[in-house]
Amino acid sequence: MESSESRGRERRKYARIATDQVISFAEVDHADQLGVGKNLSTGGIRFEAVGCEINLGDTLRVTFNVGSQTVVATGLVVWSTEQDAFTLDVGLEFLEIDPLAVEMLAAMSEDGVDA
């Protein structure tokens, strides 16, 4: 019988890489805000945002590091969950990202390396 953990892994389209780095994010053409990355993959990033409003369908620019490379990507907010009155847990699906960053993320997920 399969465990719920193994089923959870199989449902995911992309392998996740754990992270706790400070990231910046903003609606396109707006000032950056800080958040904390939780995990990332070749398909997107999950992060926590404090004291701001983020809605499903928003397009955000996000800046984070992959190894020593700074990556700026744009993505679509595909889910958002309130953690408390001030904190949101956000899932962003990449729309545009540097192909080199995608290669680096793919290699890191295969090697089990944290970002």
Protein backbone atom coordinates (compact mmCIF):
# COMPACT_ATOMS: atom_id res chain seq x y z
CA MET A 1 0.00 0.00 0.00
CA GLU A 2 1.25 3.48 -0.88
CA SER A 3 1.90 5.98 1.87
CA SER A 4 0.36 9.45 1.60
CA GLU A 5 3.89 10.83 1.37
CA SER A 6 4.73 8.81 -1.76
CA ARG A 7 1.39 9.74 -3.35
CA GLY A 8 2.12 13.42 -2.61
CA ARG A 9 5.42 13.21 -4.39
CA GLU A 10 3.88 11.56 -7.42
CA ARG A 11 1.24 14.29 -7.78
CA ARG A 12 3.84 17.00 -8.13
CA LYS A 13 4.83 18.00 -11.62
CA TYR A 14 8.23 19.39 -10.55
CA ALA A 15 10.70 18.33 -7.84
CA ARG A 16 10.88 20.92 -5.03
CA ILE A 17 14.09 22.39 -3.66
CA ALA A 18 13.89 23.59 -0.04
CA THR A 19 15.00 27.14 0.67
CA ASP A 20 14.69 29.77 3.38
CA GLN A 21 16.27 32.65 1.48
CA VAL A 22 14.93 36.19 1.55
CA ILE A 23 13.42 37.02 -1.82
CA SER A 24 11.89 40.14 -3.31
CA PHE A 25 8.63 40.27 -5.20
CA ALA A 26 6.35 42.88 -6.70
CA GLU A 27 3.57 43.34 -9.13
CA VAL A 28 5.14 44.17 -12.47
CA ASP A 29 6.00 47.92 -12.54
CA HIS A 30 5.67 48.28 -8.72
CA ALA A 31 8.25 48.61 -5.93
CA ASP A 32 9.76 45.42 -4.53
CA GLN A 33 8.67 43.91 -1.22
CA LEU A 34 10.49 41.25 0.78
CA GLY A 35 9.31 37.71 1.38
CA VAL A 36 10.79 34.39 2.45
CA GLY A 37 11.18 31.61 -0.10
CA LYS A 38 9.98 28.20 1.09
CA ASN A 39 10.69 26.02 -1.94
CA LEU A 40 11.28 26.38 -5.62
CA SER A 41 11.32 24.26 -8.73
CA THR A 42 11.77 24.67 -12.45
CA GLY A 43 8.03 25.46 -12.56
CA GLY A 44 7.64 28.01 -9.77
CA ILE A 45 8.28 29.20 -6.24
CA ARG A 46 6.43 29.07 -2.93
CA PHE A 47 7.04 31.98 -0.59
CA GLU A 48 5.64 33.77 2.46
CA ALA A 49 4.61 37.41 2.21
CA VAL A 50 3.81 39.63 5.19
CA GLY A 51 1.58 42.68 5.31
CA CYS A 52 0.46 42.80 1.69
CA GLU A 53 -2.42 41.78 -0.53
CA ILE A 54 -1.77 39.20 -3.23
CA ASN A 55 -4.62 37.82 -5.30
CA LEU A 56 -5.06 34.74 -7.46
CA GLY A 57 -4.17 35.60 -11.04
CA ASP A 58 -1.78 38.44 -10.14
CA THR A 59 1.39 38.56 -12.21
CA LEU A 60 4.45 39.12 -10.01
CA ARG A 61 8.13 39.71 -10.63
CA VAL A 62 10.24 37.73 -8.17
CA THR A 63 13.98 37.92 -7.50
CA PHE A 64 15.83 35.06 -5.81
CA ASN A 65 19.15 33.22 -5.92
CA VAL A 66 19.97 29.90 -7.51
CA GLY A 67 23.41 29.05 -6.21
CA SER A 68 25.40 32.25 -6.72
CA GLN A 69 23.22 33.49 -9.60
CA THR A 70 20.53 36.12 -9.00
CA VAL A 71 17.40 35.26 -10.98
CA VAL A 72 14.58 37.61 -11.91
CA ALA A 73 11.45 35.81 -13.11
CA THR A 74 7.81 36.65 -13.67
CA GLY A 75 5.00 34.37 -12.65
CA LEU A 76 1.30 33.92 -12.09
CA VAL A 77 -0.16 33.55 -8.59
CA VAL A 78 -1.85 30.13 -8.79
CA TRP A 79 -2.70 29.78 -5.08
CA SER A 80 -2.55 31.82 -1.90
CA THR A 81 -3.35 30.76 1.68
CA GLU A 82 -3.69 33.00 4.74
CA GLN A 83 -1.37 31.77 7.48
CA ASP A 84 -2.56 34.41 9.95
CA ALA A 85 -3.95 37.97 9.80
CA PHE A 86 -0.74 39.30 8.22
CA THR A 87 1.00 36.39 6.47
CA LEU A 88 0.22 34.77 3.12
CA ASP A 89 1.69 31.55 1.77
CA VAL A 90 1.87 32.04 -2.02
CA GLY A 91 2.39 29.69 -4.96
CA LEU A 92 3.75 31.35 -8.10
CA GLU A 93 3.98 29.53 -11.44
CA PHE A 94 6.78 30.88 -13.62
CA LEU A 95 5.77 32.54 -16.89
CA GLU A 96 9.24 33.82 -17.77
CA ILE A 97 12.56 32.66 -16.30
CA ASP A 98 16.12 32.49 -17.60
CA PRO A 99 16.68 29.08 -19.25
CA LEU A 100 20.08 28.84 -17.49
CA ALA A 101 18.31 29.19 -14.12
CA VAL A 102 15.91 26.38 -15.11
CA GLU A 103 18.89 24.15 -15.93
CA MET A 104 20.53 24.96 -12.59
CA LEU A 105 17.29 24.25 -10.69
CA ALA A 106 16.84 20.95 -12.53
CA ALA A 107 20.40 19.90 -11.65
CA MET A 108 19.93 20.93 -8.00
CA SER A 109 16.68 18.97 -7.67
CA GLU A 110 18.34 15.87 -9.12
CA ASP A 111 21.21 16.22 -6.66
CA GLY A 112 18.93 16.98 -3.67
CA VAL A 113 20.70 20.30 -3.03
CA ASP A 114 19.02 23.17 -1.16
CA ALA A 115 18.90 26.53 -2.94
